Amino acid sequence: METKVDHLVIYGAKWCPDARRARQFLEERGIHYEWHDIDEEEGARDLVIKVNGRFVIPTLLFPDGTKMTEPSNEQLIEKLGA
């Protein structure tokens, strides 16, 4: 399923180490993103399942229509050129 967004969007949770790492990576490089906490925002968990076919965080949605789940820093560098 493709979900179109205008800017980088992350679905995750504060307790998730991969979500914390991805956010830190983006913040250190000054890359703007929109954060959605699946524990605090109604419907966020359901959207993650709908987009991925299963529950997996962090889920990153990119403006080009692509998505990444649990990306490594190296994968983010390759995707964002950062």
PDB file of N, CA and C in Angstrom:
ATOM      1  N   MET A   1       0.837  -1.186   0.000  1.00  0.00           N
ATOM      2  CA  MET A   1       0.000   0.000   0.000  1.00  0.00           C
ATOM      3  C   MET A   1       0.873   1.238   0.000  1.00  0.00           C
ATOM      4  N   GLU A   2       0.582   2.150  -0.862  1.00  0.00           N
ATOM      5  CA  GLU A   2       1.323   3.410  -0.922  1.00  0.00           C
ATOM      6  C   GLU A   2       0.529   4.482  -0.186  1.00  0.00           C
ATOM      7  N   THR A   3       1.218   5.202   0.691  1.00  0.00           N
ATOM      8  CA  THR A   3       0.607   6.315   1.400  1.00  0.00           C
ATOM      9  C   THR A   3       1.395   7.561   1.050  1.00  0.00           C
ATOM     10  N   LYS A   4       0.778   8.497   0.362  1.00  0.00           N
ATOM     11  CA  LYS A   4       1.462   9.710  -0.098  1.00  0.00           C
ATOM     12  C   LYS A   4       1.518  10.745   1.019  1.00  0.00           C
ATOM     13  N   VAL A   5       2.701  11.299   1.243  1.00  0.00           N
ATOM     14  CA  VAL A   5       2.899  12.352   2.235  1.00  0.00           C
ATOM     15  C   VAL A   5       3.678  13.488   1.583  1.00  0.00           C
ATOM     16  N   ASP A   6       3.564  14.683   2.159  1.00  0.00           N
ATOM     17  CA  ASP A   6       4.267  15.852   1.621  1.00  0.00           C
ATOM     18  C   ASP A   6       5.680  16.001   2.170  1.00  0.00           C
ATOM     19  N   HIS A   7       5.967  15.316   3.267  1.00  0.00           N
ATOM     20  CA  HIS A   7       7.271  15.408   3.905  1.00  0.00           C
ATOM     21  C   HIS A   7       7.513  14.106   4.668  1.00  0.00           C
ATOM     22  N   LEU A   8       8.700  13.923   5.189  1.00  0.00           N
ATOM     23  CA  LEU A   8       9.046  12.706   5.917  1.00  0.00           C
ATOM     24  C   LEU A   8       8.175  12.575   7.157  1.00  0.00           C
ATOM     25  N   VAL A   9       7.573  11.400   7.326  1.00  0.00           N
ATOM     26  CA  VAL A   9       6.708  11.119   8.460  1.00  0.00           C
ATOM     27  C   VAL A   9       7.195   9.839   9.131  1.00  0.00           C
ATOM     28  N   ILE A  10       7.276   9.867  10.466  1.00  0.00           N
ATOM     29  CA  ILE A  10       7.705   8.693  11.222  1.00  0.00           C
ATOM     30  C   ILE A  10       6.601   8.274  12.180  1.00  0.00           C
ATOM     31  N   TYR A  11       6.300   6.975  12.164  1.00  0.00           N
ATOM     32  CA  TYR A  11       5.401   6.377  13.135  1.00  0.00           C
ATOM     33  C   TYR A  11       6.243   5.490  14.026  1.00  0.00           C
ATOM     34  N   GLY A  12       6.159   5.730  15.324  1.00  0.00           N
ATOM     35  CA  GLY A  12       6.950   4.955  16.264  1.00  0.00           C
ATOM     36  C   GLY A  12       6.432   5.129  17.674  1.00  0.00           C
ATOM     37  N   ALA A  13       7.297   4.792  18.635  1.00  0.00           N
ATOM     38  CA  ALA A  13       6.950   4.925  20.050  1.00  0.00           C
ATOM     39  C   ALA A  13       8.201   5.342  20.816  1.00  0.00           C
ATOM     40  N   LYS A  14       7.991   6.054  21.903  1.00  0.00           N
ATOM     41  CA  LYS A  14       9.114   6.534  22.712  1.00  0.00           C
ATOM     42  C   LYS A  14       9.943   5.384  23.267  1.00  0.00           C
ATOM     43  N   TRP A  15       9.313   4.246  23.517  1.00  0.00           N
ATOM     44  CA  TRP A  15      10.007   3.101  24.104  1.00  0.00           C
ATOM     45  C   TRP A  15      10.804   2.296  23.079  1.00  0.00           C
ATOM     46  N   CYS A  16      10.638   2.575  21.803  1.00  0.00           N
ATOM     47  CA  CYS A  16      11.274   1.793  20.734  1.00  0.00           C
ATOM     48  C   CYS A  16      12.695   2.293  20.461  1.00  0.00           C
ATOM     49  N   PRO A  17      13.713   1.465  20.699  1.00  0.00           N
ATOM     50  CA  PRO A  17      15.093   1.918  20.467  1.00  0.00           C
ATOM     51  C   PRO A  17      15.377   2.278  19.009  1.00  0.00           C
ATOM     52  N   ASP A  18      14.790   1.553  18.063  1.00  0.00           N
ATOM     53  CA  ASP A  18      15.012   1.873  16.644  1.00  0.00           C
ATOM     54  C   ASP A  18      14.387   3.215  16.277  1.00  0.00           C
ATOM     55  N   ALA A  19      13.232   3.522  16.852  1.00  0.00           N
ATOM     56  CA  ALA A  19      12.594   4.820  16.601  1.00  0.00           C
ATOM     57  C   ALA A  19      13.430   5.942  17.196  1.00  0.00           C
ATOM     58  N   ARG A  20      13.942   5.744  18.407  1.00  0.00           N
ATOM     59  CA  ARG A  20      14.796   6.764  19.036  1.00  0.00           C
ATOM     60  C   ARG A  20      16.053   7.003  18.203  1.00  0.00           C
ATOM     61  N   ARG A  21      16.660   5.914  17.714  1.00  0.00           N
ATOM     62  CA  ARG A  21      17.882   6.041  16.908  1.00  0.00           C
ATOM     63  C   ARG A  21      17.602   6.773  15.603  1.00  0.00           C
ATOM     64  N   ALA A  22      16.510   6.415  14.929  1.00  0.00           N
ATOM     65  CA  ALA A  22      16.174   7.068  13.660  1.00  0.00           C
ATOM     66  C   ALA A  22      15.917   8.559  13.871  1.00  0.00           C
ATOM     67  N   ARG A  23      15.191   8.900  14.925  1.00  0.00           N
ATOM     68  CA  ARG A  23      14.910  10.313  15.209  1.00  0.00           C
ATOM     69  C   ARG A  23      16.201  11.067  15.517  1.00  0.00           C
ATOM     70  N   GLN A  24      17.073  10.458  16.302  1.00  0.00           N
ATOM     71  CA  GLN A  24      18.344  11.096  16.629  1.00  0.00           C
ATOM     72  C   GLN A  24      19.176  11.321  15.363  1.00  0.00           C
ATOM     73  N   PHE A  25      19.210  10.323  14.498  1.00  0.00           N
ATOM     74  CA  PHE A  25      19.939  10.418  13.238  1.00  0.00           C
ATOM     75  C   PHE A  25      19.445  11.620  12.434  1.00  0.00           C
ATOM     76  N   LEU A  26      18.127  11.737  12.286  1.00  0.00           N
ATOM     77  CA  LEU A  26      17.542  12.831  11.498  1.00  0.00           C
ATOM     78  C   LEU A  26      17.791  14.186  12.158  1.00  0.00           C
ATOM     79  N   GLU A  27      17.623  14.249  13.459  1.00  0.00           N
ATOM     80  CA  GLU A  27      17.821  15.514  14.171  1.00  0.00           C
ATOM     81  C   GLU A  27      19.272  15.986  14.097  1.00  0.00           C
ATOM     82  N   GLU A  28      20.217  15.068  14.209  1.00  0.00           N
ATOM     83  CA  GLU A  28      21.633  15.426  14.120  1.00  0.00           C
ATOM     84  C   GLU A  28      21.993  15.994  12.753  1.00  0.00           C
ATOM     85  N   ARG A  29      21.230  15.627  11.741  1.00  0.00           N
ATOM     86  CA  ARG A  29      21.489  16.102  10.372  1.00  0.00           C
ATOM     87  C   ARG A  29      20.550  17.231   9.954  1.00  0.00           C
ATOM     88  N   GLY A  30      19.720  17.674  10.869  1.00  0.00           N
ATOM     89  CA  GLY A  30      18.814  18.782  10.584  1.00  0.00           C
ATOM     90  C   GLY A  30      17.731  18.442   9.582  1.00  0.00           C
ATOM     91  N   ILE A  31      17.345  17.170   9.525  1.00  0.00           N
ATOM     92  CA  ILE A  31      16.316  16.731   8.588  1.00  0.00           C
ATOM     93  C   ILE A  31      14.968  16.801   9.285  1.00  0.00           C
ATOM     94  N   HIS A  32      14.067  17.610   8.729  1.00  0.00           N
ATOM     95  CA  HIS A  32      12.736  17.791   9.315  1.00  0.00           C
ATOM     96  C   HIS A  32      11.881  16.552   9.090  1.00  0.00           C
ATOM     97  N   TYR A  33      11.127  16.194  10.108  1.00  0.00           N
ATOM     98  CA  TYR A  33      10.188  15.087   9.986  1.00  0.00           C
ATOM     99  C   TYR A  33       8.987  15.353  10.885  1.00  0.00           C
ATOM    100  N   GLU A  34       7.916  14.656  10.612  1.00  0.00           N
ATOM    101  CA  GLU A  34       6.706  14.727  11.419  1.00  0.00           C
ATOM    102  C   GLU A  34       6.615  13.433  12.224  1.00  0.00           C
ATOM    103  N   TRP A  35       6.472  13.534  13.531  1.00  0.00           N
ATOM    104  CA  TRP A  35       6.461  12.379  14.429  1.00  0.00           C
ATOM    105  C   TRP A  35       5.038  12.015  14.840  1.00  0.00           C
ATOM    106  N   HIS A  36       4.727  10.726  14.791  1.00  0.00           N
ATOM    107  CA  HIS A  36       3.447  10.214  15.265  1.00  0.00           C
ATOM    108  C   HIS A  36       3.722   9.070  16.233  1.00  0.00           C
ATOM    109  N   ASP A  37       3.328   9.237  17.491  1.00  0.00           N
ATOM    110  CA  ASP A  37       3.525   8.218  18.515  1.00  0.00           C
ATOM    111  C   ASP A  37       2.333   7.268  18.494  1.00  0.00           C
ATOM    112  N   ILE A  38       2.595   5.996  18.247  1.00  0.00           N
ATOM    113  CA  ILE A  38       1.525   5.011  18.104  1.00  0.00           C
ATOM    114  C   ILE A  38       0.797   4.758  19.424  1.00  0.00           C
ATOM    115  N   ASP A  39       1.433   5.111  20.546  1.00  0.00           N
ATOM    116  CA  ASP A  39       0.795   4.932  21.849  1.00  0.00           C
ATOM    117  C   ASP A  39      -0.066   6.122  22.250  1.00  0.00           C
ATOM    118  N   GLU A  40       0.178   7.258  21.636  1.00  0.00           N
ATOM    119  CA  GLU A  40      -0.509   8.476  22.043  1.00  0.00           C
ATOM    120  C   GLU A  40      -1.511   9.001  21.010  1.00  0.00           C
ATOM    121  N   GLU A  41      -1.383   8.573  19.783  1.00  0.00           N
ATOM    122  CA  GLU A  41      -2.232   9.113  18.717  1.00  0.00           C
ATOM    123  C   GLU A  41      -3.210   8.060  18.219  1.00  0.00           C
ATOM    124  N   GLU A  42      -4.466   8.346  18.373  1.00  0.00           N
ATOM    125  CA  GLU A  42      -5.502   7.412  17.934  1.00  0.00           C
ATOM    126  C   GLU A  42      -5.387   7.161  16.427  1.00  0.00           C
ATOM    127  N   GLY A  43      -5.412   5.919  16.064  1.00  0.00           N
ATOM    128  CA  GLY A  43      -5.354   5.536  14.658  1.00  0.00           C
ATOM    129  C   GLY A  43      -3.953   5.324  14.113  1.00  0.00           C
ATOM    130  N   ALA A  44      -2.921   5.760  14.838  1.00  0.00           N
ATOM    131  CA  ALA A  44      -1.548   5.635  14.328  1.00  0.00           C
ATOM    132  C   ALA A  44      -1.122   4.172  14.224  1.00  0.00           C
ATOM    133  N   ARG A  45      -1.414   3.386  15.240  1.00  0.00           N
ATOM    134  CA  ARG A  45      -1.059   1.960  15.215  1.00  0.00           C
ATOM    135  C   ARG A  45      -1.774   1.259  14.040  1.00  0.00           C
ATOM    136  N   ASP A  46      -3.043   1.574  13.846  1.00  0.00           N
ATOM    137  CA  ASP A  46      -3.802   0.974  12.744  1.00  0.00           C
ATOM    138  C   ASP A  46      -3.214   1.362  11.391  1.00  0.00           C
ATOM    139  N   LEU A  47      -2.763   2.603  11.250  1.00  0.00           N
ATOM    140  CA  LEU A  47      -2.161   3.029   9.988  1.00  0.00           C
ATOM    141  C   LEU A  47      -0.884   2.253   9.712  1.00  0.00           C
ATOM    142  N   VAL A  48      -0.069   2.041  10.745  1.00  0.00           N
ATOM    143  CA  VAL A  48       1.167   1.268  10.586  1.00  0.00           C
ATOM    144  C   VAL A  48       0.845  -0.138  10.078  1.00  0.00           C
ATOM    145  N   ILE A  49      -0.147  -0.761  10.668  1.00  0.00           N
ATOM    146  CA  ILE A  49      -0.540  -2.110  10.235  1.00  0.00           C
ATOM    147  C   ILE A  49      -1.082  -2.084   8.807  1.00  0.00           C
ATOM    148  N   LYS A  50      -1.856  -1.090   8.484  1.00  0.00           N
ATOM    149  CA  LYS A  50      -2.420  -0.971   7.140  1.00  0.00           C
ATOM    150  C   LYS A  50      -1.319  -0.789   6.096  1.00  0.00           C
ATOM    151  N   VAL A  51      -0.341   0.050   6.391  1.00  0.00           N
ATOM    152  CA  VAL A  51       0.749   0.343   5.449  1.00  0.00           C
ATOM    153  C   VAL A  51       1.671  -0.864   5.270  1.00  0.00           C
ATOM    154  N   ASN A  52       1.944  -1.585   6.362  1.00  0.00           N
ATOM    155  CA  ASN A  52       2.931  -2.669   6.327  1.00  0.00           C
ATOM    156  C   ASN A  52       2.340  -4.069   6.246  1.00  0.00           C
ATOM    157  N   GLY A  53       1.055  -4.197   6.522  1.00  0.00           N
ATOM    158  CA  GLY A  53       0.471  -5.527   6.581  1.00  0.00           C
ATOM    159  C   GLY A  53       0.740  -6.216   7.906  1.00  0.00           C
ATOM    160  N   ARG A  54       1.449  -5.538   8.782  1.00  0.00           N
ATOM    161  CA  ARG A  54       1.774  -6.043  10.118  1.00  0.00           C
ATOM    162  C   ARG A  54       2.248  -4.868  10.959  1.00  0.00           C
ATOM    163  N   PHE A  55       2.376  -5.081  12.256  1.00  0.00           N
ATOM    164  CA  PHE A  55       2.838  -4.017  13.134  1.00  0.00           C
ATOM    165  C   PHE A  55       4.358  -4.031  13.193  1.00  0.00           C
ATOM    166  N   VAL A  56       4.978  -2.959  12.708  1.00  0.00           N
ATOM    167  CA  VAL A  56       6.432  -2.825  12.786  1.00  0.00           C
ATOM    168  C   VAL A  56       6.768  -1.337  12.845  1.00  0.00           C
ATOM    169  N   ILE A  57       7.582  -0.977  13.858  1.00  0.00           N
ATOM    170  CA  ILE A  57       8.013   0.417  14.012  1.00  0.00           C
ATOM    171  C   ILE A  57       9.513   0.449  14.217  1.00  0.00           C
ATOM    172  N   PRO A  58      10.128   1.548  13.847  1.00  0.00           N
ATOM    173  CA  PRO A  58       9.522   2.701  13.222  1.00  0.00           C
ATOM    174  C   PRO A  58       9.182   2.444  11.755  1.00  0.00           C
ATOM    175  N   THR A  59       8.130   3.089  11.325  1.00  0.00           N
ATOM    176  CA  THR A  59       7.739   3.108   9.921  1.00  0.00           C
ATOM    177  C   THR A  59       7.935   4.528   9.426  1.00  0.00           C
ATOM    178  N   LEU A  60       8.748   4.695   8.398  1.00  0.00           N
ATOM    179  CA  LEU A  60       9.021   6.009   7.827  1.00  0.00           C
ATOM    180  C   LEU A  60       8.367   6.090   6.457  1.00  0.00           C
ATOM    181  N   LEU A  61       7.604   7.153   6.241  1.00  0.00           N
ATOM    182  CA  LEU A  61       6.956   7.400   4.953  1.00  0.00           C
ATOM    183  C   LEU A  61       7.626   8.601   4.304  1.00  0.00           C
ATOM    184  N   PHE A  62       7.989   8.469   3.039  1.00  0.00           N
ATOM    185  CA  PHE A  62       8.710   9.511   2.317  1.00  0.00           C
ATOM    186  C   PHE A  62       7.809  10.171   1.277  1.00  0.00           C
ATOM    187  N   PRO A  63       8.094  11.425   0.945  1.00  0.00           N
ATOM    188  CA  PRO A  63       7.275  12.153  -0.036  1.00  0.00           C
ATOM    189  C   PRO A  63       7.217  11.486  -1.408  1.00  0.00           C
ATOM    190  N   ASP A  64       8.211  10.671  -1.751  1.00  0.00           N
ATOM    191  CA  ASP A  64       8.203  10.018  -3.059  1.00  0.00           C
ATOM    192  C   ASP A  64       7.307   8.777  -3.089  1.00  0.00           C
ATOM    193  N   GLY A  65       6.603   8.513  -1.972  1.00  0.00           N
ATOM    194  CA  GLY A  65       5.690   7.381  -1.917  1.00  0.00           C
ATOM    195  C   GLY A  65       6.305   6.105  -1.387  1.00  0.00           C
ATOM    196  N   THR A  66       7.596   6.122  -1.093  1.00  0.00           N
ATOM    197  CA  THR A  66       8.240   4.930  -0.559  1.00  0.00           C
ATOM    198  C   THR A  66       8.141   4.924   0.964  1.00  0.00           C
ATOM    199  N   LYS A  67       8.445   3.764   1.532  1.00  0.00           N
ATOM    200  CA  LYS A  67       8.455   3.621   2.983  1.00  0.00           C
ATOM    201  C   LYS A  67       9.653   2.779   3.396  1.00  0.00           C
ATOM    202  N   MET A  68      10.020   2.926   4.648  1.00  0.00           N
ATOM    203  CA  MET A  68      11.057   2.092   5.235  1.00  0.00           C
ATOM    204  C   MET A  68      10.577   1.691   6.617  1.00  0.00           C
ATOM    205  N   THR A  69      10.916   0.461   7.010  1.00  0.00           N
ATOM    206  CA  THR A  69      10.627   0.013   8.358  1.00  0.00           C
ATOM    207  C   THR A  69      11.929  -0.414   9.014  1.00  0.00           C
ATOM    208  N   GLU A  70      12.089   0.012  10.243  1.00  0.00           N
ATOM    209  CA  GLU A  70      13.286  -0.287  11.021  1.00  0.00           C
ATOM    210  C   GLU A  70      14.575  -0.056  10.223  1.00  0.00           C
ATOM    211  N   PRO A  71      14.713   1.082   9.551  1.00  0.00           N
ATOM    212  CA  PRO A  71      15.917   1.297   8.738  1.00  0.00           C
ATOM    213  C   PRO A  71      17.158   1.505   9.609  1.00  0.00           C
ATOM    214  N   SER A  72      18.268   1.026   9.111  1.00  0.00           N
ATOM    215  CA  SER A  72      19.557   1.284   9.765  1.00  0.00           C
ATOM    216  C   SER A  72      20.000   2.698   9.395  1.00  0.00           C
ATOM    217  N   ASN A  73      20.989   3.202  10.109  1.00  0.00           N
ATOM    218  CA  ASN A  73      21.533   4.514   9.756  1.00  0.00           C
ATOM    219  C   ASN A  73      22.099   4.491   8.346  1.00  0.00           C
ATOM    220  N   GLU A  74      22.713   3.396   7.962  1.00  0.00           N
ATOM    221  CA  GLU A  74      23.281   3.281   6.625  1.00  0.00           C
ATOM    222  C   GLU A  74      22.184   3.347   5.557  1.00  0.00           C
ATOM    223  N   GLN A  75      21.052   2.703   5.814  1.00  0.00           N
ATOM    224  CA  GLN A  75      19.945   2.764   4.864  1.00  0.00           C
ATOM    225  C   GLN A  75      19.378   4.179   4.771  1.00  0.00           C
ATOM    226  N   LEU A  76      19.326   4.881   5.899  1.00  0.00           N
ATOM    227  CA  LEU A  76      18.849   6.262   5.879  1.00  0.00           C
ATOM    228  C   LEU A  76      19.813   7.175   5.111  1.00  0.00           C
ATOM    229  N   ILE A  77      21.105   6.949   5.281  1.00  0.00           N
ATOM    230  CA  ILE A  77      22.099   7.720   4.541  1.00  0.00           C
ATOM    231  C   ILE A  77      21.906   7.510   3.043  1.00  0.00           C
ATOM    232  N   GLU A  78      21.728   6.268   2.648  1.00  0.00           N
ATOM    233  CA  GLU A  78      21.546   5.957   1.222  1.00  0.00           C
ATOM    234  C   GLU A  78      20.269   6.589   0.692  1.00  0.00           C
ATOM    235  N   LYS A  79      19.199   6.517   1.448  1.00  0.00           N
ATOM    236  CA  LYS A  79      17.904   7.062   0.998  1.00  0.00           C
ATOM    237  C   LYS A  79      17.918   8.587   0.940  1.00  0.00           C
ATOM    238  N   LEU A  80      18.477   9.212   1.985  1.00  0.00           N
ATOM    239  CA  LEU A  80      18.404  10.672   2.111  1.00  0.00           C
ATOM    240  C   LEU A  80      19.639  11.408   1.609  1.00  0.00           C
ATOM    241  N   GLY A  81      20.700  10.652   1.321  1.00  0.00           N
ATOM    242  CA  GLY A  81      21.942  11.308   0.912  1.00  0.00           C
ATOM    243  C   GLY A  81      22.524  12.143   2.039  1.00  0.00           C
ATOM    244  N   ALA A  82      22.240  11.748   3.271  1.00  0.00           N
ATOM    245  CA  ALA A  82      22.681  12.522   4.446  1.00  0.00           C
ATOM    246  C   ALA A  82      23.854  11.872   5.123  1.00  0.00           C
TER     247      ALA A  82
END
